[in-house]
PDB file of all heavy atoms in Angstrom:
ATOM      1  N   ARG A   1      15.560  71.846 -88.412  1.00  0.00           N
ATOM      2  CA  ARG A   1      14.988  73.088 -88.914  1.00  0.00           C
ATOM      3  C   ARG A   1      14.280  72.897 -90.255  1.00  0.00           C
ATOM      4  O   ARG A   1      13.314  73.602 -90.563  1.00  0.00           O
ATOM      5  CB  ARG A   1      16.085  74.150 -89.027  1.00  0.00           C
ATOM      6  CG  ARG A   1      15.546  75.533 -89.353  1.00  0.00           C
ATOM      7  CD  ARG A   1      16.593  76.602 -89.113  1.00  0.00           C
ATOM      8  NE  ARG A   1      17.766  76.416 -89.930  1.00  0.00           N
ATOM      9  CZ  ARG A   1      18.955  76.044 -89.467  1.00  0.00           C
ATOM     10  NH1 ARG A   1      19.109  75.798 -88.172  1.00  0.00           N
ATOM     11  NH2 ARG A   1      19.996  75.898 -90.262  1.00  0.00           N
ATOM     12  N   HIS A   2      14.756  71.947 -91.084  1.00  0.00           N
ATOM     13  CA  HIS A   2      14.238  71.856 -92.452  1.00  0.00           C
ATOM     14  C   HIS A   2      13.559  70.520 -92.758  1.00  0.00           C
ATOM     15  O   HIS A   2      13.133  70.305 -93.900  1.00  0.00           O
ATOM     16  CB  HIS A   2      15.377  72.054 -93.458  1.00  0.00           C
ATOM     17  CG  HIS A   2      16.086  73.361 -93.324  1.00  0.00           C
ATOM     18  ND1 HIS A   2      15.484  74.574 -93.563  1.00  0.00           N
ATOM     19  CD2 HIS A   2      17.366  73.647 -92.951  1.00  0.00           C
ATOM     20  CE1 HIS A   2      16.347  75.551 -93.366  1.00  0.00           C
ATOM     21  NE2 HIS A   2      17.502  75.017 -92.975  1.00  0.00           N
ATOM     22  N   ALA A   3      13.437  69.592 -91.804  1.00  0.00           N
ATOM     23  CA  ALA A   3      12.963  68.235 -92.108  1.00  0.00           C
ATOM     24  C   ALA A   3      11.533  68.212 -92.650  1.00  0.00           C
ATOM     25  O   ALA A   3      11.179  67.338 -93.447  1.00  0.00           O
ATOM     26  CB  ALA A   3      13.073  67.352 -90.865  1.00  0.00           C
ATOM     27  N   ASN A   4      10.674  69.118 -92.224  1.00  0.00           N
ATOM     28  CA  ASN A   4       9.271  69.111 -92.659  1.00  0.00           C
ATOM     29  C   ASN A   4       9.048  69.798 -94.001  1.00  0.00           C
ATOM     30  O   ASN A   4       7.924  69.821 -94.513  1.00  0.00           O
ATOM     31  CB  ASN A   4       8.392  69.765 -91.601  1.00  0.00           C
ATOM     32  CG  ASN A   4       8.271  68.897 -90.351  1.00  0.00           C
ATOM     33  OD1 ASN A   4       8.325  67.673 -90.445  1.00  0.00           O
ATOM     34  ND2 ASN A   4       8.123  69.527 -89.191  1.00  0.00           N
ATOM     35  N   ARG A   5      10.060  70.394 -94.561  1.00  0.00           N
ATOM     36  CA  ARG A   5       9.925  71.086 -95.850  1.00  0.00           C
ATOM     37  C   ARG A   5       9.947  70.076 -96.987  1.00  0.00           C
ATOM     38  O   ARG A   5      10.490  68.958 -96.853  1.00  0.00           O
ATOM     39  CB  ARG A   5      11.051  72.102 -96.027  1.00  0.00           C
ATOM     40  CG  ARG A   5      11.090  73.151 -94.924  1.00  0.00           C
ATOM     41  CD  ARG A   5      12.273  74.076 -95.091  1.00  0.00           C
ATOM     42  NE  ARG A   5      12.150  74.903 -96.282  1.00  0.00           N
ATOM     43  CZ  ARG A   5      13.032  75.851 -96.605  1.00  0.00           C
ATOM     44  NH1 ARG A   5      14.086  76.072 -95.809  1.00  0.00           N
ATOM     45  NH2 ARG A   5      12.861  76.566 -97.685  1.00  0.00           N
ATOM     46  N   PRO A   6       9.395  70.407 -98.140  1.00  0.00           N
ATOM     47  CA  PRO A   6       9.522  69.521 -99.309  1.00  0.00           C
ATOM     48  C   PRO A   6      10.997  69.269 -99.604  1.00  0.00           C
ATOM     49  O   PRO A   6      11.850  70.133 -99.396  1.00  0.00           O
ATOM     50  CB  PRO A   6       8.839  70.319-100.430  1.00  0.00           C
ATOM     51  CG  PRO A   6       7.903  71.241 -99.719  1.00  0.00           C
ATOM     52  CD  PRO A   6       8.548  71.586 -98.425  1.00  0.00           C
ATOM     53  N   LEU A   7      11.279  68.051-100.102  1.00  0.00           N
ATOM     54  CA  LEU A   7      12.683  67.675-100.292  1.00  0.00           C
ATOM     55  C   LEU A   7      13.381  68.568-101.307  1.00  0.00           C
ATOM     56  O   LEU A   7      14.579  68.824-101.190  1.00  0.00           O
ATOM     57  CB  LEU A   7      12.771  66.206-100.712  1.00  0.00           C
ATOM     58  CG  LEU A   7      12.228  65.193 -99.700  1.00  0.00           C
ATOM     59  CD1 LEU A   7      12.634  63.787-100.089  1.00  0.00           C
ATOM     60  CD2 LEU A   7      12.719  65.515 -98.295  1.00  0.00           C
ATOM     61  N   ALA A   8      12.692  69.044-102.312  1.00  0.00           N
ATOM     62  CA  ALA A   8      13.314  69.934-103.298  1.00  0.00           C
ATOM     63  C   ALA A   8      13.790  71.224-102.633  1.00  0.00           C
ATOM     64  O   ALA A   8      14.843  71.763-102.974  1.00  0.00           O
ATOM     65  CB  ALA A   8      12.330  70.240-104.421  1.00  0.00           C
ATOM     66  N   GLU A   9      12.985  71.715-101.657  1.00  0.00           N
ATOM     67  CA  GLU A   9      13.397  72.920-100.937  1.00  0.00           C
ATOM     68  C   GLU A   9      14.530  72.620 -99.954  1.00  0.00           C
ATOM     69  O   GLU A   9      15.383  73.467 -99.696  1.00  0.00           O
ATOM     70  CB  GLU A   9      12.203  73.512-100.190  1.00  0.00           C
ATOM     71  CG  GLU A   9      11.089  73.995-101.097  1.00  0.00           C
ATOM     72  CD  GLU A   9       9.943  74.587-100.293  1.00  0.00           C
ATOM     73  OE1 GLU A   9      10.088  74.726 -99.057  1.00  0.00           O
ATOM     74  OE2 GLU A   9       8.898  74.913-100.895  1.00  0.00           O
ATOM     75  N   GLN A  10      14.524  71.404 -99.377  1.00  0.00           N
ATOM     76  CA  GLN A  10      15.591  71.055 -98.441  1.00  0.00           C
ATOM     77  C   GLN A  10      16.960  71.087 -99.114  1.00  0.00           C
ATOM     78  O   GLN A  10      17.950  71.508 -98.517  1.00  0.00           O
ATOM     79  CB  GLN A  10      15.343  69.661 -97.853  1.00  0.00           C
ATOM     80  CG  GLN A  10      14.223  69.618 -96.830  1.00  0.00           C
ATOM     81  CD  GLN A  10      14.215  68.305 -96.072  1.00  0.00           C
ATOM     82  OE1 GLN A  10      15.273  67.767 -95.748  1.00  0.00           O
ATOM     83  NE2 GLN A  10      13.006  67.791 -95.783  1.00  0.00           N
ATOM     84  N   SER A  11      17.029  70.642-100.351  1.00  0.00           N
ATOM     85  CA  SER A  11      18.316  70.647-101.057  1.00  0.00           C
ATOM     86  C   SER A  11      18.898  72.056-101.130  1.00  0.00           C
ATOM     87  O   SER A  11      20.065  72.289-100.811  1.00  0.00           O
ATOM     88  CB  SER A  11      18.141  70.073-102.463  1.00  0.00           C
ATOM     89  OG  SER A  11      19.352  70.153-103.187  1.00  0.00           O
ATOM     90  N   GLY A  12      18.063  73.020-101.533  1.00  0.00           N
ATOM     91  CA  GLY A  12      18.530  74.399-101.600  1.00  0.00           C
ATOM     92  C   GLY A  12      18.851  74.958-100.226  1.00  0.00           C
ATOM     93  O   GLY A  12      19.816  75.716-100.048  1.00  0.00           O
ATOM     94  N   ALA A  13      18.039  74.592 -99.203  1.00  0.00           N
ATOM     95  CA  ALA A  13      18.288  75.088 -97.850  1.00  0.00           C
ATOM     96  C   ALA A  13      19.609  74.557 -97.310  1.00  0.00           C
ATOM     97  O   ALA A  13      20.372  75.284 -96.662  1.00  0.00           O
ATOM     98  CB  ALA A  13      17.128  74.689 -96.935  1.00  0.00           C
ATOM     99  N   PHE A  14      19.908  73.258 -97.556  1.00  0.00           N
ATOM    100  CA  PHE A  14      21.175  72.685 -97.082  1.00  0.00           C
ATOM    101  C   PHE A  14      22.352  73.384 -97.753  1.00  0.00           C
ATOM    102  O   PHE A  14      23.357  73.708 -97.111  1.00  0.00           O
ATOM    103  CB  PHE A  14      21.224  71.193 -97.383  1.00  0.00           C
ATOM    104  CG  PHE A  14      20.356  70.359 -96.473  1.00  0.00           C
ATOM    105  CD1 PHE A  14      19.412  70.949 -95.641  1.00  0.00           C
ATOM    106  CD2 PHE A  14      20.478  68.983 -96.453  1.00  0.00           C
ATOM    107  CE1 PHE A  14      18.618  70.185 -94.811  1.00  0.00           C
ATOM    108  CE2 PHE A  14      19.693  68.212 -95.622  1.00  0.00           C
ATOM    109  CZ  PHE A  14      18.748  68.814 -94.801  1.00  0.00           C
ATOM    110  N   ALA A  15      22.250  73.598 -99.070  1.00  0.00           N
ATOM    111  CA  ALA A  15      23.344  74.250 -99.799  1.00  0.00           C
ATOM    112  C   ALA A  15      23.556  75.673 -99.289  1.00  0.00           C
ATOM    113  O   ALA A  15      24.699  76.126 -99.113  1.00  0.00           O
ATOM    114  CB  ALA A  15      23.059  74.253-101.294  1.00  0.00           C
ATOM    115  N   SER A  16      22.462  76.399 -99.021  1.00  0.00           N
ATOM    116  CA  SER A  16      22.585  77.771 -98.524  1.00  0.00           C
ATOM    117  C   SER A  16      23.178  77.803 -97.128  1.00  0.00           C
ATOM    118  O   SER A  16      24.015  78.659 -96.806  1.00  0.00           O
ATOM    119  CB  SER A  16      21.207  78.449 -98.529  1.00  0.00           C
ATOM    120  OG  SER A  16      20.670  78.505 -99.820  1.00  0.00           O
ATOM    121  N   THR A  17      22.771  76.868 -96.271  1.00  0.00           N
ATOM    122  CA  THR A  17      23.310  76.815 -94.905  1.00  0.00           C
ATOM    123  C   THR A  17      24.810  76.563 -94.929  1.00  0.00           C
ATOM    124  O   THR A  17      25.582  77.211 -94.209  1.00  0.00           O
ATOM    125  CB  THR A  17      22.601  75.715 -94.105  1.00  0.00           C
ATOM    126  OG1 THR A  17      21.202  75.981 -94.074  1.00  0.00           O
ATOM    127  CG2 THR A  17      23.143  75.658 -92.685  1.00  0.00           C
ATOM    128  N   LEU A  18      25.226  75.603 -95.771  1.00  0.00           N
ATOM    129  CA  LEU A  18      26.664  75.309 -95.856  1.00  0.00           C
ATOM    130  C   LEU A  18      27.435  76.492 -96.427  1.00  0.00           C
ATOM    131  O   LEU A  18      28.517  76.837 -95.934  1.00  0.00           O
ATOM    132  CB  LEU A  18      26.893  74.066 -96.715  1.00  0.00           C
ATOM    133  CG  LEU A  18      28.357  73.631 -96.869  1.00  0.00           C
ATOM    134  CD1 LEU A  18      28.931  73.244 -95.508  1.00  0.00           C
ATOM    135  CD2 LEU A  18      28.481  72.469 -97.847  1.00  0.00           C
ATOM    136  N   ALA A  19      26.902  77.153 -97.452  1.00  0.00           N
ATOM    137  CA  ALA A  19      27.601  78.293 -98.062  1.00  0.00           C
ATOM    138  C   ALA A  19      27.741  79.440 -97.066  1.00  0.00           C
ATOM    139  O   ALA A  19      28.787  80.098 -97.006  1.00  0.00           O
ATOM    140  CB  ALA A  19      26.850  78.755 -99.306  1.00  0.00           C
ATOM    141  N   ALA A  20      26.702  79.698 -96.270  1.00  0.00           N
ATOM    142  CA  ALA A  20      26.772  80.775 -95.281  1.00  0.00           C
ATOM    143  C   ALA A  20      27.828  80.479 -94.227  1.00  0.00           C
ATOM    144  O   ALA A  20      28.556  81.374 -93.782  1.00  0.00           O
ATOM    145  CB  ALA A  20      25.405  80.976 -94.630  1.00  0.00           C
ATOM    146  N   TYR A  21      27.937  79.214 -93.800  1.00  0.00           N
ATOM    147  CA  TYR A  21      28.943  78.865 -92.793  1.00  0.00           C
ATOM    148  C   TYR A  21      30.353  78.865 -93.397  1.00  0.00           C
ATOM    149  O   TYR A  21      31.306  79.302 -92.777  1.00  0.00           O
ATOM    150  CB  TYR A  21      28.639  77.484 -92.214  1.00  0.00           C
ATOM    151  CG  TYR A  21      29.634  77.049 -91.163  1.00  0.00           C
ATOM    152  CD1 TYR A  21      29.595  77.575 -89.874  1.00  0.00           C
ATOM    153  CD2 TYR A  21      30.637  76.132 -91.465  1.00  0.00           C
ATOM    154  CE1 TYR A  21      30.514  77.197 -88.911  1.00  0.00           C
ATOM    155  CE2 TYR A  21      31.561  75.744 -90.504  1.00  0.00           C
ATOM    156  CZ  TYR A  21      31.494  76.283 -89.229  1.00  0.00           C
ATOM    157  OH  TYR A  21      32.418  75.916 -88.282  1.00  0.00           O
ATOM    158  N   GLN A  22      30.449  78.364 -94.647  1.00  0.00           N
ATOM    159  CA  GLN A  22      31.764  78.248 -95.284  1.00  0.00           C
ATOM    160  C   GLN A  22      32.402  79.601 -95.532  1.00  0.00           C
ATOM    161  O   GLN A  22      33.603  79.772 -95.331  1.00  0.00           O
ATOM    162  CB  GLN A  22      31.622  77.485 -96.604  1.00  0.00           C
ATOM    163  CG  GLN A  22      32.922  77.317 -97.383  1.00  0.00           C
ATOM    164  CD  GLN A  22      32.701  76.503 -98.655  1.00  0.00           C
ATOM    165  OE1 GLN A  22      31.670  75.873 -98.840  1.00  0.00           O
ATOM    166  NE2 GLN A  22      33.677  76.524 -99.538  1.00  0.00           N
ATOM    167  N   GLY A  23      31.634  80.577 -95.953  1.00  0.00           N
ATOM    168  CA  GLY A  23      32.185  81.903 -96.205  1.00  0.00           C
ATOM    169  C   GLY A  23      33.264  81.866 -97.283  1.00  0.00           C
ATOM    170  O   GLY A  23      33.081  81.320 -98.368  1.00  0.00           O
ATOM    171  N   SER A  24      34.436  82.439 -96.962  1.00  0.00           N
ATOM    172  CA  SER A  24      35.542  82.521 -97.922  1.00  0.00           C
ATOM    173  C   SER A  24      36.482  81.330 -97.844  1.00  0.00           C
ATOM    174  O   SER A  24      37.479  81.283 -98.573  1.00  0.00           O
ATOM    175  CB  SER A  24      36.342  83.806 -97.678  1.00  0.00           C
ATOM    176  OG  SER A  24      36.883  83.816 -96.353  1.00  0.00           O
ATOM    177  N   HIS A  25      36.198  80.369 -96.967  1.00  0.00           N
ATOM    178  CA  HIS A  25      37.071  79.199 -96.860  1.00  0.00           C
ATOM    179  C   HIS A  25      36.905  78.306 -98.089  1.00  0.00           C
ATOM    180  O   HIS A  25      35.789  78.117 -98.589  1.00  0.00           O
ATOM    181  CB  HIS A  25      36.750  78.398 -95.597  1.00  0.00           C
ATOM    182  CG  HIS A  25      37.066  79.129 -94.331  1.00  0.00           C
ATOM    183  ND1 HIS A  25      38.315  79.082 -93.733  1.00  0.00           N
ATOM    184  CD2 HIS A  25      36.322  79.939 -93.552  1.00  0.00           C
ATOM    185  CE1 HIS A  25      38.297  79.824 -92.643  1.00  0.00           C
ATOM    186  NE2 HIS A  25      37.098  80.356 -92.502  1.00  0.00           N
ATOM    187  N   PRO A  26      37.982  77.703 -98.571  1.00  0.00           N
ATOM    188  CA  PRO A  26      37.862  76.821 -99.738  1.00  0.00           C
ATOM    189  C   PRO A  26      37.187  75.507 -99.368  1.00  0.00           C
ATOM    190  O   PRO A  26      37.204  75.084 -98.210  1.00  0.00           O
ATOM    191  CB  PRO A  26      39.326  76.594-100.154  1.00  0.00           C
ATOM    192  CG  PRO A  26      40.109  76.771 -98.886  1.00  0.00           C
ATOM    193  CD  PRO A  26      39.384  77.841 -98.110  1.00  0.00           C
ATOM    194  N   GLN A  27      36.579  74.853-100.372  1.00  0.00           N
ATOM    195  CA  GLN A  27      35.966  73.545-100.128  1.00  0.00           C
ATOM    196  C   GLN A  27      37.060  72.548 -99.818  1.00  0.00           C
ATOM    197  O   GLN A  27      38.030  72.388-100.561  1.00  0.00           O
ATOM    198  CB  GLN A  27      35.148  73.098-101.340  1.00  0.00           C
ATOM    199  CG  GLN A  27      34.410  71.775-101.125  1.00  0.00           C
ATOM    200  CD  GLN A  27      33.480  71.447-102.266  1.00  0.00           C
ATOM    201  OE1 GLN A  27      33.026  72.317-102.988  1.00  0.00           O
ATOM    202  NE2 GLN A  27      33.181  70.158-102.447  1.00  0.00           N
ATOM    203  N   ARG A  28      36.921  71.817 -98.708  1.00  0.00           N
ATOM    204  CA  ARG A  28      37.978  70.926 -98.220  1.00  0.00           C
ATOM    205  C   ARG A  28      37.876  69.528 -98.818  1.00  0.00           C
ATOM    206  O   ARG A  28      38.879  68.865 -99.040  1.00  0.00           O
ATOM    207  CB  ARG A  28      37.892  70.841 -96.695  1.00  0.00           C
ATOM    208  CG  ARG A  28      38.887  69.905 -96.046  1.00  0.00           C
ATOM    209  CD  ARG A  28      38.711  69.875 -94.546  1.00  0.00           C
ATOM    210  NE  ARG A  28      39.102  71.145 -93.946  1.00  0.00           N
ATOM    211  CZ  ARG A  28      38.998  71.405 -92.645  1.00  0.00           C
ATOM    212  NH1 ARG A  28      38.506  70.490 -91.820  1.00  0.00           N
ATOM    213  NH2 ARG A  28      39.374  72.583 -92.163  1.00  0.00           N
ATOM    214  N   ASP A  29      36.672  69.024 -99.087  1.00  0.00           N
ATOM    215  CA  ASP A  29      36.491  67.629 -99.503  1.00  0.00           C
ATOM    216  C   ASP A  29      35.288  67.557-100.440  1.00  0.00           C
ATOM    217  O   ASP A  29      34.510  68.506-100.570  1.00  0.00           O
ATOM    218  CB  ASP A  29      36.265  66.761 -98.251  1.00  0.00           C
ATOM    219  CG  ASP A  29      36.482  65.271 -98.524  1.00  0.00           C
ATOM    220  OD1 ASP A  29      36.751  64.917 -99.679  1.00  0.00           O
ATOM    221  OD2 ASP A  29      36.359  64.464 -97.584  1.00  0.00           O
ATOM    222  N   ASP A  30      35.142  66.393-101.097  1.00  0.00           N
ATOM    223  CA  ASP A  30      33.938  66.153-101.894  1.00  0.00           C
ATOM    224  C   ASP A  30      32.736  66.053-100.953  1.00  0.00           C
ATOM    225  O   ASP A  30      32.838  65.518 -99.840  1.00  0.00           O
ATOM    226  CB  ASP A  30      34.088  64.858-102.694  1.00  0.00           C
ATOM    227  CG  ASP A  30      35.315  64.890-103.594  1.00  0.00           C
ATOM    228  OD1 ASP A  30      35.594  65.955-104.150  1.00  0.00           O
ATOM    229  OD2 ASP A  30      35.985  63.852-103.723  1.00  0.00           O
ATOM    230  N   ILE A  31      31.575  66.551-101.404  1.00  0.00           N
ATOM    231  CA  ILE A  31      30.372  66.601-100.573  1.00  0.00           C
ATOM    232  C   ILE A  31      29.243  65.854-101.282  1.00  0.00           C
ATOM    233  O   ILE A  31      28.972  66.104-102.467  1.00  0.00           O
ATOM    234  CB  ILE A  31      29.950  68.064-100.306  1.00  0.00           C
ATOM    235  CG1 ILE A  31      31.028  68.782 -99.483  1.00  0.00           C
ATOM    236  CG2 ILE A  31      28.610  68.117 -99.599  1.00  0.00           C
ATOM    237  CD1 ILE A  31      30.767  70.264 -99.326  1.00  0.00           C
ATOM    238  N   THR A  32      28.613  64.931-100.537  1.00  0.00           N
ATOM    239  CA  THR A  32      27.480  64.181-101.096  1.00  0.00           C
ATOM    240  C   THR A  32      26.436  63.963 -99.999  1.00  0.00           C
ATOM    241  O   THR A  32      26.785  63.539 -98.887  1.00  0.00           O
ATOM    242  CB  THR A  32      27.931  62.817-101.650  1.00  0.00           C
ATOM    243  OG1 THR A  32      28.926  63.016-102.648  1.00  0.00           O
ATOM    244  CG2 THR A  32      26.734  62.075-102.250  1.00  0.00           C
ATOM    245  N   ILE A  33      25.168  64.275-100.298  1.00  0.00           N
ATOM    246  CA  ILE A  33      24.040  63.971 -99.414  1.00  0.00           C
ATOM    247  C   ILE A  33      22.942  63.337-100.269  1.00  0.00           C
ATOM    248  O   ILE A  33      22.581  63.863-101.331  1.00  0.00           O
ATOM    249  CB  ILE A  33      23.487  65.228 -98.721  1.00  0.00           C
ATOM    250  CG1 ILE A  33      24.527  65.832 -97.778  1.00  0.00           C
ATOM    251  CG2 ILE A  33      22.225  64.885 -97.933  1.00  0.00           C
ATOM    252  CD1 ILE A  33      24.033  67.071 -97.058  1.00  0.00           C
ATOM    253  N   VAL A  34      22.425  62.193 -99.807  1.00  0.00           N
ATOM    254  CA  VAL A  34      21.258  61.550-100.437  1.00  0.00           C
ATOM    255  C   VAL A  34      20.140  61.539 -99.405  1.00  0.00           C
ATOM    256  O   VAL A  34      20.324  61.045 -98.281  1.00  0.00           O
ATOM    257  CB  VAL A  34      21.590  60.125-100.910  1.00  0.00           C
ATOM    258  CG1 VAL A  34      20.321  59.420-101.375  1.00  0.00           C
ATOM    259  CG2 VAL A  34      22.624  60.171-102.023  1.00  0.00           C
ATOM    260  N   CYS A  35      18.991  62.086 -99.771  1.00  0.00           N
ATOM    261  CA  CYS A  35      17.837  62.172 -98.867  1.00  0.00           C
ATOM    262  C   CYS A  35      16.638  61.494 -99.530  1.00  0.00           C
ATOM    263  O   CYS A  35      16.418  61.647-100.738  1.00  0.00           O
ATOM    264  CB  CYS A  35      17.534  63.638 -98.569  1.00  0.00           C
ATOM    265  SG  CYS A  35      15.987  63.896 -97.678  1.00  0.00           S
ATOM    266  N   PHE A  36      15.852  60.729 -98.722  1.00  0.00           N
ATOM    267  CA  PHE A  36      14.660  60.081 -99.285  1.00  0.00           C
ATOM    268  C   PHE A  36      13.574  60.008 -98.226  1.00  0.00           C
ATOM    269  O   PHE A  36      13.835  60.036 -97.018  1.00  0.00           O
ATOM    270  CB  PHE A  36      14.988  58.691 -99.834  1.00  0.00           C
ATOM    271  CG  PHE A  36      15.550  57.744 -98.814  1.00  0.00           C
ATOM    272  CD1 PHE A  36      14.735  56.905 -98.072  1.00  0.00           C
ATOM    273  CD2 PHE A  36      16.935  57.686 -98.594  1.00  0.00           C
ATOM    274  CE1 PHE A  36      15.262  56.027 -97.159  1.00  0.00           C
ATOM    275  CE2 PHE A  36      17.465  56.804 -97.672  1.00  0.00           C
ATOM    276  CZ  PHE A  36      16.634  55.970 -96.939  1.00  0.00           C
ATOM    277  N   ARG A  37      12.350  59.911 -98.717  1.00  0.00           N
ATOM    278  CA  ARG A  37      11.171  59.860 -97.842  1.00  0.00           C
ATOM    279  C   ARG A  37      10.108  59.020 -98.563  1.00  0.00           C
ATOM    280  O   ARG A  37       9.926  59.144 -99.781  1.00  0.00           O
ATOM    281  CB  ARG A  37      10.659  61.265 -97.577  1.00  0.00           C
ATOM    282  CG  ARG A  37       9.391  61.330 -96.729  1.00  0.00           C
ATOM    283  CD  ARG A  37       8.781  62.717 -96.789  1.00  0.00           C
ATOM    284  NE  ARG A  37       9.665  63.732 -96.226  1.00  0.00           N
ATOM    285  CZ  ARG A  37       9.501  65.044 -96.415  1.00  0.00           C
ATOM    286  NH1 ARG A  37       8.496  65.472 -97.182  1.00  0.00           N
ATOM    287  NH2 ARG A  37      10.326  65.897 -95.880  1.00  0.00           N
ATOM    288  N   PHE A  38       9.437  58.137 -97.810  1.00  0.00           N
ATOM    289  CA  PHE A  38       8.379  57.303 -98.392  1.00  0.00           C
ATOM    290  C   PHE A  38       7.087  57.534 -97.608  1.00  0.00           C
ATOM    291  O   PHE A  38       7.057  57.387 -96.373  1.00  0.00           O
ATOM    292  CB  PHE A  38       8.746  55.817 -98.342  1.00  0.00           C
ATOM    293  CG  PHE A  38       9.795  55.439 -99.339  1.00  0.00           C
ATOM    294  CD1 PHE A  38      11.145  55.563 -99.013  1.00  0.00           C
ATOM    295  CD2 PHE A  38       9.459  54.985-100.602  1.00  0.00           C
ATOM    296  CE1 PHE A  38      12.121  55.230 -99.906  1.00  0.00           C
ATOM    297  CE2 PHE A  38      10.439  54.644-101.509  1.00  0.00           C
ATOM    298  CZ  PHE A  38      11.773  54.773-101.182  1.00  0.00           C
ATOM    299  N   ALA A  39       6.025  57.910 -98.309  1.00  0.00           N
ATOM    300  CA  ALA A  39       4.749  58.214 -97.646  1.00  0.00           C
ATOM    301  C   ALA A  39       4.078  56.923 -97.188  1.00  0.00           C
ATOM    302  O   ALA A  39       4.309  55.849 -97.738  1.00  0.00           O
ATOM    303  CB  ALA A  39       3.844  58.971 -98.611  1.00  0.00           C
TER     304      ALA A  39
END
């Protein structure tokens, strides 16, 4: 859904998607994502 968006926007989109799914549940583990693209 978000791969074609600029990477700066993808970061916010991923965080929003996770927050919407998580709801009131507490964070279970440390979370790390590294994304890169080379033209």
